[in-house]
PDB file of N, CA and C in Angstrom:
ATOM      1  N   MET A   1     -19.080  -2.244 140.556  1.00  0.00           N
ATOM      2  CA  MET A   1     -20.442  -2.438 140.871  1.00  0.00           C
ATOM      3  C   MET A   1     -21.310  -1.966 139.709  1.00  0.00           C
ATOM      4  N   HIS A   2     -22.391  -2.644 139.448  1.00  0.00           N
ATOM      5  CA  HIS A   2     -23.317  -2.333 138.360  1.00  0.00           C
ATOM      6  C   HIS A   2     -24.611  -1.606 138.921  1.00  0.00           C
ATOM      7  N   GLY A   3     -24.602  -0.376 138.542  1.00  0.00           N
ATOM      8  CA  GLY A   3     -25.834   0.377 139.023  1.00  0.00           C
ATOM      9  C   GLY A   3     -25.825   0.752 140.463  1.00  0.00           C
ATOM     10  N   ARG A   4     -26.964   1.184 140.983  1.00  0.00           N
ATOM     11  CA  ARG A   4     -27.012   1.599 142.360  1.00  0.00           C
ATOM     12  C   ARG A   4     -28.086   0.596 143.123  1.00  0.00           C
ATOM     13  N   PHE A   5     -27.771   0.376 144.395  1.00  0.00           N
ATOM     14  CA  PHE A   5     -28.657  -0.411 145.183  1.00  0.00           C
ATOM     15  C   PHE A   5     -29.717   0.616 145.637  1.00  0.00           C
ATOM     16  N   ALA A   6     -30.984   0.355 145.424  1.00  0.00           N
ATOM     17  CA  ALA A   6     -32.006   1.229 145.594  1.00  0.00           C
ATOM     18  C   ALA A   6     -33.246   0.862 146.383  1.00  0.00           C
ATOM     19  N   LEU A   7     -33.466  -0.481 146.447  1.00  0.00           N
ATOM     20  CA  LEU A   7     -34.734  -0.948 146.982  1.00  0.00           C
ATOM     21  C   LEU A   7     -34.667  -2.191 147.767  1.00  0.00           C
ATOM     22  N   THR A   8     -35.364  -2.273 148.971  1.00  0.00           N
ATOM     23  CA  THR A   8     -35.548  -3.593 149.680  1.00  0.00           C
ATOM     24  C   THR A   8     -37.008  -3.913 149.703  1.00  0.00           C
ATOM     25  N   VAL A   9     -37.360  -5.170 149.476  1.00  0.00           N
ATOM     26  CA  VAL A   9     -38.637  -5.613 149.470  1.00  0.00           C
ATOM     27  C   VAL A   9     -38.942  -6.484 150.730  1.00  0.00           C
ATOM     28  N   ILE A  10     -40.068  -6.216 151.277  1.00  0.00           N
ATOM     29  CA  ILE A  10     -40.536  -7.036 152.327  1.00  0.00           C
ATOM     30  C   ILE A  10     -41.950  -7.568 151.904  1.00  0.00           C
ATOM     31  N   TYR A  11     -42.090  -8.795 151.872  1.00  0.00           N
ATOM     32  CA  TYR A  11     -43.335  -9.472 151.485  1.00  0.00           C
ATOM     33  C   TYR A  11     -44.188  -9.578 152.768  1.00  0.00           C
ATOM     34  N   CYS A  12     -45.381  -9.166 152.741  1.00  0.00           N
ATOM     35  CA  CYS A  12     -46.218  -9.054 153.904  1.00  0.00           C
ATOM     36  C   CYS A  12     -47.424 -10.098 153.901  1.00  0.00           C
ATOM     37  N   ALA A  13     -47.525 -10.641 155.110  1.00  0.00           N
ATOM     38  CA  ALA A  13     -48.796 -11.483 155.278  1.00  0.00           C
ATOM     39  C   ALA A  13     -50.002 -10.685 155.334  1.00  0.00           C
ATOM     40  N   ASP A  14     -49.940  -9.472 156.015  1.00  0.00           N
ATOM     41  CA  ASP A  14     -51.073  -8.569 156.167  1.00  0.00           C
ATOM     42  C   ASP A  14     -50.442  -7.212 155.948  1.00  0.00           C
ATOM     43  N   LEU A  15     -50.648  -6.657 154.718  1.00  0.00           N
ATOM     44  CA  LEU A  15     -50.028  -5.366 154.191  1.00  0.00           C
ATOM     45  C   LEU A  15     -50.418  -4.101 155.082  1.00  0.00           C
ATOM     46  N   GLU A  16     -51.602  -3.958 155.385  1.00  0.00           N
ATOM     47  CA  GLU A  16     -52.045  -2.596 155.960  1.00  0.00           C
ATOM     48  C   GLU A  16     -51.358  -2.357 157.294  1.00  0.00           C
ATOM     49  N   PRO A  17     -51.389  -3.313 158.254  1.00  0.00           N
ATOM     50  CA  PRO A  17     -50.648  -2.982 159.534  1.00  0.00           C
ATOM     51  C   PRO A  17     -49.106  -2.789 159.222  1.00  0.00           C
ATOM     52  N   MET A  18     -48.514  -3.474 158.271  1.00  0.00           N
ATOM     53  CA  MET A  18     -47.163  -3.220 158.011  1.00  0.00           C
ATOM     54  C   MET A  18     -47.026  -1.773 157.433  1.00  0.00           C
ATOM     55  N   ALA A  19     -47.788  -1.435 156.553  1.00  0.00           N
ATOM     56  CA  ALA A  19     -47.728  -0.039 156.015  1.00  0.00           C
ATOM     57  C   ALA A  19     -47.945   0.973 157.034  1.00  0.00           C
ATOM     58  N   ALA A  20     -48.852   0.784 157.896  1.00  0.00           N
ATOM     59  CA  ALA A  20     -49.165   1.725 159.055  1.00  0.00           C
ATOM     60  C   ALA A  20     -47.941   1.833 159.896  1.00  0.00           C
ATOM     61  N   PHE A  21     -47.328   0.778 160.212  1.00  0.00           N
ATOM     62  CA  PHE A  21     -46.126   0.819 161.056  1.00  0.00           C
ATOM     63  C   PHE A  21     -45.065   1.604 160.537  1.00  0.00           C
ATOM     64  N   TYR A  22     -44.665   1.235 159.234  1.00  0.00           N
ATOM     65  CA  TYR A  22     -43.538   1.969 158.600  1.00  0.00           C
ATOM     66  C   TYR A  22     -43.821   3.452 158.155  1.00  0.00           C
ATOM     67  N   ARG A  23     -45.105   3.770 157.885  1.00  0.00           N
ATOM     68  CA  ARG A  23     -45.544   5.029 157.547  1.00  0.00           C
ATOM     69  C   ARG A  23     -45.854   5.831 158.793  1.00  0.00           C
ATOM     70  N   ASP A  24     -46.748   5.480 159.637  1.00  0.00           N
ATOM     71  CA  ASP A  24     -47.280   6.197 160.701  1.00  0.00           C
ATOM     72  C   ASP A  24     -46.405   6.064 162.060  1.00  0.00           C
ATOM     73  N   THR A  25     -45.866   5.012 162.306  1.00  0.00           N
ATOM     74  CA  THR A  25     -45.037   4.827 163.491  1.00  0.00           C
ATOM     75  C   THR A  25     -43.508   5.242 163.222  1.00  0.00           C
ATOM     76  N   LEU A  26     -42.962   4.846 162.251  1.00  0.00           N
ATOM     77  CA  LEU A  26     -41.591   5.233 161.925  1.00  0.00           C
ATOM     78  C   LEU A  26     -41.386   6.527 160.949  1.00  0.00           C
ATOM     79  N   GLY A  27     -42.443   6.917 160.492  1.00  0.00           N
ATOM     80  CA  GLY A  27     -42.466   8.199 159.791  1.00  0.00           C
ATOM     81  C   GLY A  27     -41.977   8.140 158.288  1.00  0.00           C
ATOM     82  N   LEU A  28     -41.837   6.962 157.671  1.00  0.00           N
ATOM     83  CA  LEU A  28     -41.435   6.930 156.232  1.00  0.00           C
ATOM     84  C   LEU A  28     -42.572   7.368 155.410  1.00  0.00           C
ATOM     85  N   LYS A  29     -42.225   8.172 154.413  1.00  0.00           N
ATOM     86  CA  LYS A  29     -43.212   8.737 153.492  1.00  0.00           C
ATOM     87  C   LYS A  29     -43.503   7.784 152.327  1.00  0.00           C
ATOM     88  N   VAL A  30     -44.854   7.649 152.111  1.00  0.00           N
ATOM     89  CA  VAL A  30     -45.288   6.839 150.930  1.00  0.00           C
ATOM     90  C   VAL A  30     -44.897   7.678 149.673  1.00  0.00           C
ATOM     91  N   ILE A  31     -44.242   7.069 148.717  1.00  0.00           N
ATOM     92  CA  ILE A  31     -43.955   7.703 147.560  1.00  0.00           C
ATOM     93  C   ILE A  31     -44.650   7.092 146.349  1.00  0.00           C
ATOM     94  N   ALA A  32     -45.211   5.923 146.482  1.00  0.00           N
ATOM     95  CA  ALA A  32     -45.987   5.275 145.464  1.00  0.00           C
ATOM     96  C   ALA A  32     -46.957   4.231 146.108  1.00  0.00           C
ATOM     97  N   GLU A  33     -48.107   3.958 145.547  1.00  0.00           N
ATOM     98  CA  GLU A  33     -49.005   3.078 146.089  1.00  0.00           C
ATOM     99  C   GLU A  33     -49.935   2.558 145.020  1.00  0.00           C
ATOM    100  N   LYS A  34     -50.139   1.246 145.107  1.00  0.00           N
ATOM    101  CA  LYS A  34     -51.081   0.564 144.166  1.00  0.00           C
ATOM    102  C   LYS A  34     -51.593  -0.558 144.877  1.00  0.00           C
ATOM    103  N   GLU A  35     -52.674  -1.196 144.452  1.00  0.00           N
ATOM    104  CA  GLU A  35     -53.216  -2.321 145.108  1.00  0.00           C
ATOM    105  C   GLU A  35     -52.187  -3.375 145.462  1.00  0.00           C
ATOM    106  N   GLY A  36     -52.129  -3.694 146.706  1.00  0.00           N
ATOM    107  CA  GLY A  36     -51.165  -4.706 147.178  1.00  0.00           C
ATOM    108  C   GLY A  36     -49.728  -4.259 147.432  1.00  0.00           C
ATOM    109  N   GLU A  37     -49.536  -2.928 147.260  1.00  0.00           N
ATOM    110  CA  GLU A  37     -48.137  -2.431 147.361  1.00  0.00           C
ATOM    111  C   GLU A  37     -47.913  -1.059 147.949  1.00  0.00           C
ATOM    112  N   TYR A  38     -46.859  -0.751 148.660  1.00  0.00           N
ATOM    113  CA  TYR A  38     -46.624   0.542 149.095  1.00  0.00           C
ATOM    114  C   TYR A  38     -45.104   0.702 148.879  1.00  0.00           C
ATOM    115  N   VAL A  39     -44.677   1.663 148.385  1.00  0.00           N
ATOM    116  CA  VAL A  39     -43.241   2.042 148.251  1.00  0.00           C
ATOM    117  C   VAL A  39     -43.022   3.348 149.196  1.00  0.00           C
ATOM    118  N   LEU A  40     -42.030   3.120 150.165  1.00  0.00           N
ATOM    119  CA  LEU A  40     -41.791   4.126 151.069  1.00  0.00           C
ATOM    120  C   LEU A  40     -40.457   4.721 150.949  1.00  0.00           C
ATOM    121  N   ASP A  41     -40.328   6.102 151.178  1.00  0.00           N
ATOM    122  CA  ASP A  41     -38.972   6.700 151.003  1.00  0.00           C
ATOM    123  C   ASP A  41     -38.188   6.596 152.309  1.00  0.00           C
ATOM    124  N   GLY A  42     -37.025   5.959 152.167  1.00  0.00           N
ATOM    125  CA  GLY A  42     -36.019   5.768 153.170  1.00  0.00           C
ATOM    126  C   GLY A  42     -34.771   6.685 152.969  1.00  0.00           C
ATOM    127  N   ASN A  43     -35.029   7.893 152.431  1.00  0.00           N
ATOM    128  CA  ASN A  43     -33.915   8.737 151.971  1.00  0.00           C
ATOM    129  C   ASN A  43     -33.285   8.150 150.720  1.00  0.00           C
ATOM    130  N   SER A  44     -32.099   7.679 150.765  1.00  0.00           N
ATOM    131  CA  SER A  44     -31.461   7.111 149.571  1.00  0.00           C
ATOM    132  C   SER A  44     -31.752   5.846 149.231  1.00  0.00           C
ATOM    133  N   HIS A  45     -32.663   5.204 149.987  1.00  0.00           N
ATOM    134  CA  HIS A  45     -33.028   3.788 149.788  1.00  0.00           C
ATOM    135  C   HIS A  45     -34.591   3.578 150.014  1.00  0.00           C
ATOM    136  N   ALA A  46     -35.280   3.008 149.078  1.00  0.00           N
ATOM    137  CA  ALA A  46     -36.771   2.806 149.277  1.00  0.00           C
ATOM    138  C   ALA A  46     -37.014   1.491 149.829  1.00  0.00           C
ATOM    139  N   LEU A  47     -38.170   1.381 150.437  1.00  0.00           N
ATOM    140  CA  LEU A  47     -38.745   0.139 150.990  1.00  0.00           C
ATOM    141  C   LEU A  47     -40.022  -0.247 150.246  1.00  0.00           C
ATOM    142  N   LEU A  48     -40.024  -1.390 149.693  1.00  0.00           N
ATOM    143  CA  LEU A  48     -41.284  -1.845 148.983  1.00  0.00           C
ATOM    144  C   LEU A  48     -41.999  -2.933 149.927  1.00  0.00           C
ATOM    145  N   LEU A  49     -43.148  -2.622 150.215  1.00  0.00           N
ATOM    146  CA  LEU A  49     -43.969  -3.466 151.045  1.00  0.00           C
ATOM    147  C   LEU A  49     -44.970  -4.106 150.098  1.00  0.00           C
ATOM    148  N   GLN A  50     -44.995  -5.413 149.884  1.00  0.00           N
ATOM    149  CA  GLN A  50     -45.860  -6.142 148.951  1.00  0.00           C
ATOM    150  C   GLN A  50     -46.701  -7.094 149.669  1.00  0.00           C
ATOM    151  N   ALA A  51     -48.038  -7.096 149.439  1.00  0.00           N
ATOM    152  CA  ALA A  51     -48.838  -8.238 149.907  1.00  0.00           C
ATOM    153  C   ALA A  51     -48.494  -9.537 149.319  1.00  0.00           C
ATOM    154  N   ARG A  52     -48.150 -10.368 150.112  1.00  0.00           N
ATOM    155  CA  ARG A  52     -47.765 -11.778 149.674  1.00  0.00           C
ATOM    156  C   ARG A  52     -48.147 -12.823 150.897  1.00  0.00           C
ATOM    157  N   PRO A  53     -49.311 -12.961 151.249  1.00  0.00           N
ATOM    158  CA  PRO A  53     -49.756 -13.822 152.352  1.00  0.00           C
ATOM    159  C   PRO A  53     -49.312 -15.166 152.150  1.00  0.00           C
ATOM    160  N   ASP A  54     -49.008 -15.682 150.927  1.00  0.00           N
ATOM    161  CA  ASP A  54     -48.610 -17.000 150.653  1.00  0.00           C
ATOM    162  C   ASP A  54     -47.133 -17.222 150.945  1.00  0.00           C
ATOM    163  N   ARG A  55     -46.439 -16.134 151.101  1.00  0.00           N
ATOM    164  CA  ARG A  55     -44.896 -16.294 151.296  1.00  0.00           C
ATOM    165  C   ARG A  55     -44.349 -14.960 151.999  1.00  0.00           C
ATOM    166  N   PRO A  56     -44.687 -14.677 153.163  1.00  0.00           N
ATOM    167  CA  PRO A  56     -44.222 -13.439 153.679  1.00  0.00           C
ATOM    168  C   PRO A  56     -42.700 -13.607 154.131  1.00  0.00           C
ATOM    169  N   THR A  57     -42.089 -12.399 154.117  1.00  0.00           N
ATOM    170  CA  THR A  57     -40.656 -12.420 154.517  1.00  0.00           C
ATOM    171  C   THR A  57     -40.636 -12.713 155.958  1.00  0.00           C
ATOM    172  N   ARG A  58     -39.662 -13.484 156.390  1.00  0.00           N
ATOM    173  CA  ARG A  58     -39.380 -13.747 157.821  1.00  0.00           C
ATOM    174  C   ARG A  58     -37.966 -13.363 158.083  1.00  0.00           C
ATOM    175  N   GLU A  59     -37.777 -12.822 159.187  1.00  0.00           N
ATOM    176  CA  GLU A  59     -36.472 -12.536 159.719  1.00  0.00           C
ATOM    177  C   GLU A  59     -35.602 -11.468 158.931  1.00  0.00           C
ATOM    178  N   ALA A  60     -36.397 -10.453 158.393  1.00  0.00           N
ATOM    179  CA  ALA A  60     -35.726  -9.320 157.710  1.00  0.00           C
ATOM    180  C   ALA A  60     -35.241  -8.463 158.862  1.00  0.00           C
ATOM    181  N   GLU A  61     -34.209  -7.740 158.522  1.00  0.00           N
ATOM    182  CA  GLU A  61     -33.726  -6.757 159.455  1.00  0.00           C
ATOM    183  C   GLU A  61     -33.513  -5.401 158.616  1.00  0.00           C
ATOM    184  N   THR A  62     -34.220  -4.398 159.201  1.00  0.00           N
ATOM    185  CA  THR A  62     -34.061  -3.096 158.513  1.00  0.00           C
ATOM    186  C   THR A  62     -33.284  -2.224 159.521  1.00  0.00           C
ATOM    187  N   ILE A  63     -32.273  -1.415 159.126  1.00  0.00           N
ATOM    188  CA  ILE A  63     -31.356  -0.545 160.014  1.00  0.00           C
ATOM    189  C   ILE A  63     -31.500   0.853 159.565  1.00  0.00           C
ATOM    190  N   PHE A  64     -31.729   1.690 160.530  1.00  0.00           N
ATOM    191  CA  PHE A  64     -31.699   3.170 160.492  1.00  0.00           C
ATOM    192  C   PHE A  64     -30.429   3.526 161.099  1.00  0.00           C
ATOM    193  N   ILE A  65     -29.672   4.447 160.453  1.00  0.00           N
ATOM    194  CA  ILE A  65     -28.452   5.041 160.930  1.00  0.00           C
ATOM    195  C   ILE A  65     -28.481   6.363 161.282  1.00  0.00           C
ATOM    196  N   GLY A  66     -27.584   6.984 162.037  1.00  0.00           N
ATOM    197  CA  GLY A  66     -27.573   8.379 162.372  1.00  0.00           C
ATOM    198  C   GLY A  66     -28.726   8.782 163.334  1.00  0.00           C
ATOM    199  N   VAL A  67     -29.099   7.892 164.212  1.00  0.00           N
ATOM    200  CA  VAL A  67     -30.183   8.101 165.097  1.00  0.00           C
ATOM    201  C   VAL A  67     -29.805   8.668 166.375  1.00  0.00           C
ATOM    202  N   ASP A  68     -30.636   9.580 166.899  1.00  0.00           N
ATOM    203  CA  ASP A  68     -30.464  10.109 168.336  1.00  0.00           C
ATOM    204  C   ASP A  68     -31.134   9.057 169.163  1.00  0.00           C
ATOM    205  N   VAL A  69     -30.382   8.133 169.621  1.00  0.00           N
ATOM    206  CA  VAL A  69     -30.844   6.836 170.339  1.00  0.00           C
ATOM    207  C   VAL A  69     -31.831   7.211 171.451  1.00  0.00           C
ATOM    208  N   GLU A  70     -31.354   8.061 172.444  1.00  0.00           N
ATOM    209  CA  GLU A  70     -32.187   8.339 173.552  1.00  0.00           C
ATOM    210  C   GLU A  70     -33.525   8.929 173.159  1.00  0.00           C
ATOM    211  N   THR A  71     -33.657   9.854 172.246  1.00  0.00           N
ATOM    212  CA  THR A  71     -34.854  10.377 171.812  1.00  0.00           C
ATOM    213  C   THR A  71     -35.791   9.296 171.061  1.00  0.00           C
ATOM    214  N   ALA A  72     -35.039   8.524 170.186  1.00  0.00           N
ATOM    215  CA  ALA A  72     -35.798   7.428 169.499  1.00  0.00           C
ATOM    216  C   ALA A  72     -36.415   6.410 170.495  1.00  0.00           C
ATOM    217  N   VAL A  73     -35.602   6.049 171.538  1.00  0.00           N
ATOM    218  CA  VAL A  73     -36.109   5.076 172.580  1.00  0.00           C
ATOM    219  C   VAL A  73     -37.389   5.606 173.219  1.00  0.00           C
ATOM    220  N   GLN A  74     -37.438   6.858 173.535  1.00  0.00           N
ATOM    221  CA  GLN A  74     -38.563   7.602 174.120  1.00  0.00           C
ATOM    222  C   GLN A  74     -39.672   7.585 173.104  1.00  0.00           C
ATOM    223  N   ASP A  75     -39.376   8.047 171.937  1.00  0.00           N
ATOM    224  CA  ASP A  75     -40.543   8.087 170.923  1.00  0.00           C
ATOM    225  C   ASP A  75     -41.125   6.835 170.659  1.00  0.00           C
ATOM    226  N   LEU A  76     -40.425   5.701 170.691  1.00  0.00           N
ATOM    227  CA  LEU A  76     -40.914   4.343 170.306  1.00  0.00           C
ATOM    228  C   LEU A  76     -41.019   3.415 171.516  1.00  0.00           C
ATOM    229  N   ALA A  77     -41.197   3.965 172.644  1.00  0.00           N
ATOM    230  CA  ALA A  77     -41.356   3.313 173.923  1.00  0.00           C
ATOM    231  C   ALA A  77     -42.469   2.243 173.988  1.00  0.00           C
ATOM    232  N   ALA A  78     -43.553   2.650 173.166  1.00  0.00           N
ATOM    233  CA  ALA A  78     -44.644   1.600 173.099  1.00  0.00           C
ATOM    234  C   ALA A  78     -44.397   0.345 172.340  1.00  0.00           C
ATOM    235  N   LEU A  79     -43.253   0.267 171.529  1.00  0.00           N
ATOM    236  CA  LEU A  79     -42.807  -0.835 170.915  1.00  0.00           C
ATOM    237  C   LEU A  79     -41.907  -1.744 171.691  1.00  0.00           C
ATOM    238  N   ASP A  80     -41.582  -1.377 172.954  1.00  0.00           N
ATOM    239  CA  ASP A  80     -40.683  -2.087 173.769  1.00  0.00           C
ATOM    240  C   ASP A  80     -39.278  -2.249 173.208  1.00  0.00           C
ATOM    241  N   PRO A  81     -38.610  -1.184 172.918  1.00  0.00           N
ATOM    242  CA  PRO A  81     -37.283  -1.181 172.446  1.00  0.00           C
ATOM    243  C   PRO A  81     -36.349  -2.040 173.283  1.00  0.00           C
ATOM    244  N   VAL A  82     -35.498  -2.847 172.598  1.00  0.00           N
ATOM    245  CA  VAL A  82     -34.585  -3.726 173.237  1.00  0.00           C
ATOM    246  C   VAL A  82     -33.065  -3.154 172.961  1.00  0.00           C
ATOM    247  N   ARG A  83     -32.405  -2.877 173.951  1.00  0.00           N
ATOM    248  CA  ARG A  83     -31.005  -2.172 173.758  1.00  0.00           C
ATOM    249  C   ARG A  83     -30.120  -3.356 173.303  1.00  0.00           C
ATOM    250  N   MET A  84     -29.125  -2.983 172.548  1.00  0.00           N
ATOM    251  CA  MET A  84     -28.128  -3.811 172.065  1.00  0.00           C
ATOM    252  C   MET A  84     -27.193  -4.196 173.237  1.00  0.00           C
ATOM    253  N   PRO A  85     -27.112  -5.557 173.486  1.00  0.00           N
ATOM    254  CA  PRO A  85     -26.327  -5.972 174.628  1.00  0.00           C
ATOM    255  C   PRO A  85     -24.895  -5.451 174.525  1.00  0.00           C
ATOM    256  N   GLY A  86     -24.266  -4.899 175.504  1.00  0.00           N
ATOM    257  CA  GLY A  86     -22.962  -4.359 175.532  1.00  0.00           C
ATOM    258  C   GLY A  86     -22.748  -3.153 174.758  1.00  0.00           C
ATOM    259  N   GLU A  87     -23.817  -2.627 174.063  1.00  0.00           N
ATOM    260  CA  GLU A  87     -23.676  -1.336 173.239  1.00  0.00           C
ATOM    261  C   GLU A  87     -25.040  -0.554 173.509  1.00  0.00           C
ATOM    262  N   GLU A  88     -25.455  -0.529 174.733  1.00  0.00           N
ATOM    263  CA  GLU A  88     -26.798   0.193 174.967  1.00  0.00           C
ATOM    264  C   GLU A  88     -26.890   1.657 174.549  1.00  0.00           C
ATOM    265  N   SER A  89     -25.783   2.285 174.534  1.00  0.00           N
ATOM    266  CA  SER A  89     -25.832   3.775 174.092  1.00  0.00           C
ATOM    267  C   SER A  89     -25.743   3.807 172.681  1.00  0.00           C
ATOM    268  N   ARG A  90     -25.478   2.737 172.021  1.00  0.00           N
ATOM    269  CA  ARG A  90     -25.296   2.781 170.561  1.00  0.00           C
ATOM    270  C   ARG A  90     -26.458   2.576 169.732  1.00  0.00           C
ATOM    271  N   GLY A  91     -27.442   1.757 170.300  1.00  0.00           N
ATOM    272  CA  GLY A  91     -28.636   1.517 169.527  1.00  0.00           C
ATOM    273  C   GLY A  91     -29.572   0.473 170.141  1.00  0.00           C
ATOM    274  N   PHE A  92     -30.654   0.236 169.462  1.00  0.00           N
ATOM    275  CA  PHE A  92     -31.709  -0.613 169.997  1.00  0.00           C
ATOM    276  C   PHE A  92     -32.398  -1.214 168.715  1.00  0.00           C
ATOM    277  N   ARG A  93     -33.362  -2.151 169.108  1.00  0.00           N
ATOM    278  CA  ARG A  93     -34.229  -2.776 168.151  1.00  0.00           C
ATOM    279  C   ARG A  93     -35.604  -2.888 168.574  1.00  0.00           C
ATOM    280  N   VAL A  94     -36.517  -2.853 167.570  1.00  0.00           N
ATOM    281  CA  VAL A  94     -37.900  -3.196 167.852  1.00  0.00           C
ATOM    282  C   VAL A  94     -38.361  -4.189 166.772  1.00  0.00           C
ATOM    283  N   GLN A  95     -39.596  -4.676 166.884  1.00  0.00           N
ATOM    284  CA  GLN A  95     -40.063  -5.547 165.825  1.00  0.00           C
ATOM    285  C   GLN A  95     -41.320  -4.820 165.069  1.00  0.00           C
ATOM    286  N   ASP A  96     -41.369  -5.117 163.736  1.00  0.00           N
ATOM    287  CA  ASP A  96     -42.589  -4.690 163.033  1.00  0.00           C
ATOM    288  C   ASP A  96     -43.695  -5.523 163.268  1.00  0.00           C
ATOM    289  N   PRO A  97     -44.975  -5.314 162.758  1.00  0.00           N
ATOM    290  CA  PRO A  97     -45.995  -6.194 163.107  1.00  0.00           C
ATOM    291  C   PRO A  97     -45.960  -7.573 162.707  1.00  0.00           C
ATOM    292  N   GLU A  98     -44.980  -7.961 161.789  1.00  0.00           N
ATOM    293  CA  GLU A  98     -44.857  -9.343 161.388  1.00  0.00           C
ATOM    294  C   GLU A  98     -43.503  -9.932 161.927  1.00  0.00           C
ATOM    295  N   GLY A  99     -42.977  -9.359 163.013  1.00  0.00           N
ATOM    296  CA  GLY A  99     -41.791  -9.883 163.689  1.00  0.00           C
ATOM    297  C   GLY A  99     -40.511  -9.645 163.141  1.00  0.00           C
ATOM    298  N   ASN A 100     -40.333  -8.851 162.056  1.00  0.00           N
ATOM    299  CA  ASN A 100     -39.129  -8.553 161.449  1.00  0.00           C
ATOM    300  C   ASN A 100     -38.486  -7.529 162.372  1.00  0.00           C
ATOM    301  N   SER A 101     -37.189  -7.565 162.405  1.00  0.00           N
ATOM    302  CA  SER A 101     -36.313  -6.591 163.274  1.00  0.00           C
ATOM    303  C   SER A 101     -36.168  -5.305 162.658  1.00  0.00           C
ATOM    304  N   VAL A 102     -36.277  -4.255 163.414  1.00  0.00           N
ATOM    305  CA  VAL A 102     -35.955  -2.851 162.875  1.00  0.00           C
ATOM    306  C   VAL A 102     -34.926  -2.272 163.933  1.00  0.00           C
ATOM    307  N   CYS A 103     -33.734  -1.946 163.385  1.00  0.00           N
ATOM    308  CA  CYS A 103     -32.748  -1.500 164.342  1.00  0.00           C
ATOM    309  C   CYS A 103     -32.438  -0.082 164.116  1.00  0.00           C
ATOM    310  N   PHE A 104     -31.958   0.621 165.221  1.00  0.00           N
ATOM    311  CA  PHE A 104     -31.670   1.980 165.146  1.00  0.00           C
ATOM    312  C   PHE A 104     -30.370   2.245 165.866  1.00  0.00           C
ATOM    313  N   VAL A 105     -29.348   2.815 165.110  1.00  0.00           N
ATOM    314  CA  VAL A 105     -28.064   3.038 165.677  1.00  0.00           C
ATOM    315  C   VAL A 105     -27.684   4.384 165.453  1.00  0.00           C
ATOM    316  N   ASN A 106     -26.712   4.858 166.242  1.00  0.00           N
ATOM    317  CA  ASN A 106     -26.306   6.240 166.104  1.00  0.00           C
ATOM    318  C   ASN A 106     -25.088   6.392 165.226  1.00  0.00           C
ATOM    319  N   ASP A 107     -24.605   5.499 164.482  1.00  0.00           N
ATOM    320  CA  ASP A 107     -23.474   5.670 163.704  1.00  0.00           C
ATOM    321  C   ASP A 107     -23.684   4.867 162.312  1.00  0.00           C
TER     322      ASP A 107
END
């Protein structure tokens, strides 16, 4: 492998609601910000949200691992979590403000 994988980019039709979702709802810390961009800390992996109303990302999937599933389902109940079929105790998913999937799993 060449180097380390460090960043995922999601192009946003409407940046501010996306930043609020990942920052305020999911608790990611903003580590850099400039006009039209937020970089959020996902521990060993960063998430770059970039304003691109001309070509927003569609059908991205972000996955959080090592999650206490029952606590997270309660904490995120307002987002209508959907349990993984056949693996209800293992995880669930919600959608960000632009319809991308955000998954939470316990392993």
